[in-house]
Amino acid sequence: MLILGIESSCDETGVALYDTDKGLIADALHTQIEMHRLYGGVVPELASRDHIRRIIPLLNEVMKKAGKTPQDLDAVAVTEGPGLAGALLVGNSVAYGIGLALDIPVVGIHHLEGHLLSSLLADDKPSFPFIMEVRALGDYELLGETLDDAAGEAFDKTAQALGYSYPGGPAVSALAEKGTPGAIELPRPLIHAPNLDFSFSGLKTAVMNTVRKEPKPLSQEFKNNLARAFVDSVTDV
């Protein structure tokens, strides 16, 4: 089977062709990082409008790369959620439009299920059950979740506090590599909780308070050490 995959859940427009016998045969991706960097994070309205501009050209690009036409497709798989409503609407409109026009099935994909099962695309596939209670296809158990901010959001805000732009993850991680472990101490939220839930809002606040108390301009050593303290806290949690 030849399956067209469409992803538009947030700030990247992704299109791919997957052959069930040959594997991935073509893909194309557009990221909106430069557009959202001006605002320090993803702006949902801008994201959805950019998906509208990008998705058809990317679809044409993938078909050309693979030497295929829409008539060769056997099915369409599309991210149905979770994600930004307007962004998801773009990918789903195109996917279901193609399915209707070609009279082929459209399969809705759960965003997080896609993450859980992405390792199955590797040559050395893991076997069930995974360490995250992924017992089988469609058989999962949620062990814990964030009660407030996502870890990625905390990374972005930490980067912003240290004078770096969105996305913050790469910048904070690079700084942390140069930092000294233990030079700055930050809290480990819910580390002793009886369950496996997360909380990052308090950690984010601790980072802001630490930056606020430090003489300005911030030294590079301070930035490195605070980034290391933040990363160590998130990793421990």
Protein backbone atom coordinates (compact mmCIF):
# COMPACT_ATOMS: atom_id res chain seq x y z
CA MET A 1 0.00 0.00 0.00
CA LEU A 2 1.09 3.55 -0.71
CA ILE A 3 0.08 5.87 2.13
CA LEU A 4 0.19 9.64 2.13
CA GLY A 5 0.99 11.10 5.55
CA ILE A 6 0.08 14.66 6.53
CA GLU A 7 1.14 16.47 9.73
CA SER A 8 0.05 20.01 10.65
CA SER A 9 -0.54 19.91 14.39
CA CYS A 10 1.63 22.89 15.35
CA ASP A 11 4.39 24.87 13.62
CA GLU A 12 5.62 22.42 10.99
CA THR A 13 3.93 21.28 7.80
CA GLY A 14 4.97 17.72 6.98
CA VAL A 15 4.06 15.48 4.05
CA ALA A 16 5.39 11.99 3.41
CA LEU A 17 4.81 8.93 1.25
CA TYR A 18 5.14 5.57 2.96
CA ASP A 19 5.16 2.26 1.11
CA THR A 20 4.24 -0.68 3.31
CA ASP A 21 6.78 -2.83 1.43
CA LYS A 22 9.60 -0.33 0.88
CA GLY A 23 9.17 2.03 3.83
CA LEU A 24 9.52 5.82 3.56
CA ILE A 25 10.03 6.77 -0.08
CA ALA A 26 9.67 10.58 -0.01
CA ASP A 27 9.05 13.38 2.46
CA ALA A 28 9.08 17.17 2.74
CA LEU A 29 8.91 19.47 5.74
CA HIS A 30 8.51 23.19 6.28
CA THR A 31 9.22 24.67 9.69
CA GLN A 32 7.82 28.00 10.88
CA ILE A 33 10.52 28.67 13.49
CA GLU A 34 11.76 31.92 11.94
CA MET A 35 8.23 33.34 11.76
CA HIS A 36 7.36 32.54 15.38
CA ARG A 37 10.77 33.54 16.76
CA LEU A 38 9.68 37.19 16.64
CA TYR A 39 6.98 36.42 19.20
CA GLY A 40 8.92 34.08 21.49
CA GLY A 41 6.63 31.14 20.75
CA VAL A 42 4.03 29.72 18.38
CA VAL A 43 1.19 32.06 17.37
CA PRO A 44 -1.74 29.75 16.47
CA GLU A 45 -3.37 32.06 13.90
CA LEU A 46 -0.11 32.62 12.03
CA ALA A 47 0.63 28.89 12.16
CA SER A 48 -2.67 27.90 10.53
CA ARG A 49 -2.33 30.52 7.79
CA ASP A 50 1.18 29.33 6.96
CA HIS A 51 0.00 25.71 6.74
CA ILE A 52 -2.51 26.83 4.09
CA ARG A 53 0.32 28.32 2.03
CA ARG A 54 2.68 25.38 2.35
CA ILE A 55 0.72 22.15 2.27
CA ILE A 56 -0.16 21.88 -1.45
CA PRO A 57 3.36 22.79 -2.69
CA LEU A 58 4.82 20.25 -0.25
CA LEU A 59 2.37 17.63 -1.45
CA ASN A 60 3.37 18.27 -5.06
CA GLU A 61 7.05 18.15 -4.10
CA VAL A 62 6.70 14.76 -2.42
CA MET A 63 4.78 13.28 -5.35
CA LYS A 64 7.44 14.53 -7.77
CA LYS A 65 10.28 13.13 -5.63
CA ALA A 66 8.64 9.70 -5.56
CA GLY A 67 7.55 9.75 -9.20
CA LYS A 68 3.95 9.15 -8.12
CA THR A 69 0.56 10.70 -8.82
CA PRO A 70 -2.42 11.05 -6.47
CA GLN A 71 -4.08 8.18 -8.30
CA ASP A 72 -1.33 5.87 -6.98
CA LEU A 73 -2.40 6.45 -3.38
CA ASP A 74 -4.18 3.71 -1.43
CA ALA A 75 -4.85 5.67 1.78
CA VAL A 76 -4.19 8.94 3.60
CA ALA A 77 -3.05 9.23 7.23
CA VAL A 78 -3.41 12.61 8.96
CA THR A 79 -2.75 13.96 12.44
CA GLU A 80 -6.15 14.56 14.04
CA GLY A 81 -4.94 15.82 17.42
CA PRO A 82 -3.93 16.89 19.91
CA GLY A 83 -2.62 20.15 18.53
CA LEU A 84 -3.64 23.66 17.50
CA ALA A 85 -7.22 23.56 16.23
CA GLY A 86 -6.68 25.87 13.25
CA ALA A 87 -3.46 24.14 12.24
CA LEU A 88 -5.04 20.68 12.45
CA LEU A 89 -7.99 21.89 10.39
CA VAL A 90 -5.72 22.63 7.43
CA GLY A 91 -4.15 19.17 7.30
CA ASN A 92 -7.47 17.42 7.84
CA SER A 93 -9.24 19.47 5.17
CA VAL A 94 -6.63 18.47 2.60
CA ALA A 95 -6.53 14.84 3.75
CA TYR A 96 -10.27 14.29 3.70
CA GLY A 97 -10.58 16.22 0.45
CA ILE A 98 -8.09 13.84 -1.17
CA GLY A 99 -9.83 10.85 0.33
CA LEU A 100 -13.20 11.98 -0.99
CA ALA A 101 -11.86 12.84 -4.44
CA LEU A 102 -10.02 9.53 -4.88
CA ASP A 103 -12.47 7.37 -2.90
CA ILE A 104 -9.72 6.06 -0.61
CA PRO A 105 -9.73 5.70 3.19
CA VAL A 106 -8.48 8.44 5.49
CA VAL A 107 -7.01 7.31 8.81
CA GLY A 108 -6.85 9.77 11.68
CA ILE A 109 -3.65 9.55 13.73
CA HIS A 110 -3.34 10.54 17.38
CA HIS A 111 -0.38 12.90 17.68
CA LEU A 112 1.03 11.30 20.83
CA GLU A 113 0.46 7.78 19.51
CA GLY A 114 2.63 8.79 16.58
CA HIS A 115 5.41 9.70 18.99
CA LEU A 116 5.01 6.44 20.90
CA LEU A 117 5.24 4.32 17.76
CA SER A 118 7.83 6.32 15.81
CA SER A 119 10.56 3.96 17.00
CA LEU A 120 8.95 1.23 14.89
CA LEU A 121 10.31 3.05 11.81
CA ALA A 122 13.86 2.18 12.87
CA ASP A 123 15.68 -0.75 11.31
CA ASP A 124 16.18 -2.22 14.77
CA LYS A 125 12.56 -2.14 15.92
CA PRO A 126 11.77 -2.47 19.64
CA SER A 127 9.42 -5.21 20.76
CA PHE A 128 6.33 -4.74 22.90
CA PRO A 129 5.94 -3.81 25.69
CA PHE A 130 7.89 -0.55 25.65
CA ILE A 131 9.12 1.00 28.87
CA MET A 132 6.25 3.53 28.72
CA GLU A 133 3.56 0.87 29.12
CA VAL A 134 3.04 0.57 25.39
CA ARG A 135 1.79 -2.99 25.57
CA ALA A 136 0.66 -3.28 21.96
CA LEU A 137 -0.84 -1.22 19.14
CA GLY A 138 -3.63 0.82 20.70
CA ASP A 139 -2.93 -0.60 24.19
CA TYR A 140 -1.27 2.09 26.31
CA GLU A 141 -1.37 3.24 29.90
CA LEU A 142 -0.76 6.87 30.86
CA LEU A 143 1.73 6.76 33.73
CA GLY A 144 1.99 10.50 34.30
CA GLU A 145 1.48 13.91 32.72
CA THR A 146 2.27 17.55 33.33
CA LEU A 147 -0.10 19.33 35.67
CA ASP A 148 0.72 22.76 34.26
CA ASP A 149 3.46 23.73 31.78
CA ALA A 150 5.03 21.41 29.24
CA ALA A 151 8.75 20.80 29.58
CA GLY A 152 9.34 22.41 26.19
CA GLU A 153 7.53 25.56 27.27
CA ALA A 154 9.74 25.76 30.36
CA PHE A 155 12.81 25.43 28.12
CA ASP A 156 11.54 28.28 25.91
CA LYS A 157 10.91 30.60 28.85
CA THR A 158 14.28 29.78 30.42
CA ALA A 159 16.01 30.62 27.14
CA GLN A 160 14.07 33.87 26.93
CA ALA A 161 15.13 34.81 30.49
CA LEU A 162 18.76 34.22 29.51
CA GLY A 163 18.47 36.37 26.39
CA TYR A 164 17.99 33.68 23.75
CA SER A 165 15.19 33.40 21.21
CA TYR A 166 12.63 30.73 20.38
CA PRO A 167 12.96 27.76 20.17
CA GLY A 168 14.73 27.60 23.52
CA GLY A 169 15.61 23.92 23.81
CA PRO A 170 18.75 23.86 21.65
CA ALA A 171 20.10 27.08 23.19
CA VAL A 172 19.55 26.00 26.82
CA SER A 173 20.98 22.53 26.16
CA ALA A 174 24.10 24.02 24.55
CA LEU A 175 24.63 26.37 27.50
CA ALA A 176 24.13 23.53 29.98
CA GLU A 177 26.95 21.56 28.39
CA LYS A 178 29.33 24.33 29.53
CA GLY A 179 27.82 24.78 33.00
CA THR A 180 29.10 23.42 36.30
CA PRO A 181 26.84 20.86 38.02
CA GLY A 182 25.66 22.09 41.42
CA ALA A 183 26.89 25.68 40.96
CA ILE A 184 23.25 26.79 41.13
CA GLU A 185 20.50 24.77 42.82
CA LEU A 186 16.93 24.71 41.50
CA PRO A 187 13.92 22.80 42.87
CA ARG A 188 12.84 19.34 41.66
CA PRO A 189 9.03 19.73 41.50
CA LEU A 190 7.01 16.64 42.55
CA ILE A 191 10.18 14.51 42.62
CA HIS A 192 8.90 12.72 45.75
CA ALA A 193 5.23 12.59 44.71
CA PRO A 194 3.55 9.17 44.98
CA ASN A 195 2.59 9.27 41.30
CA LEU A 196 4.45 10.03 38.05
CA ASP A 197 2.93 13.43 37.28
CA PHE A 198 5.11 16.43 36.40
CA SER A 199 5.03 20.13 37.24
CA PHE A 200 7.27 22.72 35.62
CA SER A 201 5.62 26.07 36.45
CA GLY A 202 7.42 26.30 39.82
CA LEU A 203 10.75 25.47 38.23
CA LYS A 204 10.17 28.13 35.60
CA THR A 205 9.39 30.67 38.33
CA ALA A 206 12.56 29.68 40.21
CA VAL A 207 14.59 30.35 37.06
CA MET A 208 12.98 33.79 36.65
CA ASN A 209 13.63 34.69 40.31
CA THR A 210 17.26 33.58 40.07
CA VAL A 211 17.78 35.72 36.97
CA ARG A 212 16.04 38.68 38.61
CA LYS A 213 18.45 38.62 41.58
CA GLU A 214 21.60 38.36 39.45
CA PRO A 215 23.52 41.59 38.60
CA LYS A 216 23.08 42.73 35.02
CA PRO A 217 24.35 42.16 32.43
CA LEU A 218 24.29 38.42 33.02
CA SER A 219 27.72 36.82 32.78
CA GLN A 220 28.26 33.91 30.43
CA GLU A 221 29.29 31.76 33.40
CA PHE A 222 26.00 32.49 35.14
CA LYS A 223 24.02 31.65 32.00
CA ASN A 224 25.87 28.37 31.59
CA ASN A 225 25.42 27.40 35.25
CA LEU A 226 21.73 28.32 35.38
CA ALA A 227 21.04 26.39 32.18
CA ARG A 228 22.86 23.40 33.68
CA ALA A 229 20.81 23.64 36.87
CA PHE A 230 17.59 23.83 34.87
CA VAL A 231 18.45 20.88 32.61
CA ASP A 232 19.57 18.77 35.59
CA SER A 233 16.29 19.52 37.38
CA VAL A 234 14.14 18.59 34.38
CA THR A 235 16.20 15.44 33.78
CA ASP A 236 15.94 14.31 37.41
CA VAL A 237 12.20 14.89 37.46
